[in-house]
Protein backbone atom coordinates (compact mmCIF):
# COMPACT_ATOMS: atom_id res chain seq x y z
CA UNK A 1 21.43 13.78 -33.39
CA UNK A 2 22.64 12.98 -36.91
CA UNK A 3 24.97 10.07 -37.54
CA UNK A 4 26.54 8.52 -40.61
CA UNK A 5 26.12 4.82 -41.05
CA UNK A 6 27.49 2.33 -43.51
CA UNK A 7 23.93 1.15 -44.16
CA UNK A 8 22.05 4.46 -44.15
CA UNK A 9 23.10 7.94 -45.03
CA UNK A 10 22.39 10.86 -42.65
CA UNK A 11 20.23 8.90 -40.29
CA UNK A 12 18.56 11.10 -37.67
CA UNK A 13 18.22 9.64 -34.21
CA UNK A 14 15.53 11.07 -32.00
CA UNK A 15 16.08 11.13 -28.25
CA UNK A 16 13.70 9.07 -26.20
CA UNK A 17 12.69 9.43 -22.59
CA UNK A 18 12.93 6.40 -20.34
CA UNK A 19 11.12 6.18 -17.05
CA UNK A 20 12.16 3.68 -14.45
CA UNK A 21 9.20 2.48 -12.47
CA UNK A 22 9.77 1.79 -8.82
CA UNK A 23 8.73 -1.60 -7.58
CA UNK A 24 6.09 -1.64 -4.89
CA UNK A 25 6.55 -4.60 -2.62
CA UNK A 26 3.40 -6.42 -1.52
CA UNK A 27 2.47 -4.53 1.60
CA UNK A 28 0.74 -6.14 4.57
CA UNK A 29 -0.77 -3.82 7.19
CA UNK A 30 -1.88 -5.06 10.61
CA UNK A 31 -3.01 -3.35 13.81
CA UNK A 32 -0.55 -3.76 16.69
CA UNK A 33 -1.99 -2.15 19.82
CA UNK A 34 -1.53 1.63 19.48
CA UNK A 35 0.62 1.04 16.40
CA UNK A 36 0.22 -0.23 12.89
CA UNK A 37 2.62 -2.88 11.58
CA UNK A 38 3.77 -2.59 7.97
CA UNK A 39 5.54 -5.63 6.54
CA UNK A 40 6.67 -6.75 3.09
CA UNK A 41 8.95 -9.29 1.44
CA UNK A 42 12.44 -8.05 0.52
CA UNK A 43 12.90 -6.97 -3.10
CA UNK A 44 16.07 -8.32 -4.77
CA UNK A 45 18.83 -5.65 -5.06
CA UNK A 46 16.88 -3.05 -3.05
CA UNK A 47 19.04 -1.17 -0.56
CA UNK A 48 16.17 0.51 1.29
CA UNK A 49 12.43 1.20 1.11
CA UNK A 50 10.52 4.46 0.88
CA UNK A 51 7.45 4.68 3.12
CA UNK A 52 4.65 7.03 2.04
CA UNK A 53 1.32 7.90 3.64
CA UNK A 54 -1.91 9.69 2.78
CA UNK A 55 -5.33 10.22 4.35
CA UNK A 56 -7.12 9.09 1.17
CA UNK A 57 -6.44 5.93 -0.90
CA UNK A 58 -6.34 7.90 -4.17
CA UNK A 59 -4.78 11.07 -2.74
CA UNK A 60 -1.26 12.39 -3.10
CA UNK A 61 1.05 10.24 -1.00
CA UNK A 62 3.72 12.08 0.96
CA UNK A 63 7.14 10.67 1.83
CA UNK A 64 7.22 9.60 5.46
CA UNK A 65 10.60 7.90 5.91
CA UNK A 66 13.20 5.59 4.43
CA UNK A 67 13.92 2.26 6.13
CA UNK A 68 16.21 -0.66 5.36
CA UNK A 69 14.07 -3.60 6.44
CA UNK A 70 10.65 -4.94 7.25
CA UNK A 71 8.63 -4.94 9.51
CA UNK A 72 8.00 -1.37 10.59
CA UNK A 73 5.87 -0.22 13.52
CA UNK A 74 4.23 3.21 13.21
CA UNK A 75 2.16 4.94 15.90
CA UNK A 76 -1.55 5.02 15.09
CA UNK A 77 -2.89 6.61 18.28
CA UNK A 78 -4.97 9.69 17.43
CA UNK A 79 -4.75 9.10 13.67
CA UNK A 80 -8.25 8.39 12.34
CA UNK A 81 -7.27 6.88 8.98
CA UNK A 82 -4.04 6.42 7.03
CA UNK A 83 -3.09 4.70 3.80
CA UNK A 84 0.47 3.55 3.16
CA UNK A 85 2.71 2.69 0.21
CA UNK A 86 6.17 1.18 0.14
CA UNK A 87 8.62 1.47 -2.76
CA UNK A 88 11.94 -0.29 -3.22
CA UNK A 89 15.02 1.93 -3.56
CA UNK A 90 18.00 0.75 -5.59
CA UNK A 91 21.64 1.90 -5.66
CA UNK A 92 22.47 4.44 -8.36
């Protein structure tokens, strides 16, 4: 994009790419009988939270569900090992 300025002549502006990082609330995971309890503190301005899971801690996490509050109980019966992540979701 070229613009004319009173200070500079034919200044060329280069587009930049901005990435908005999602905030990961501090996640607490506890066993709860045949379930696992996920809990976190609310994030200011978040309207919901994305829950992700994976069988490996460094694997590719898959979206599991979207919820609006903490805590969340998930069934753990028959699941040998799961890792979870929570991200805050903001209004557009």
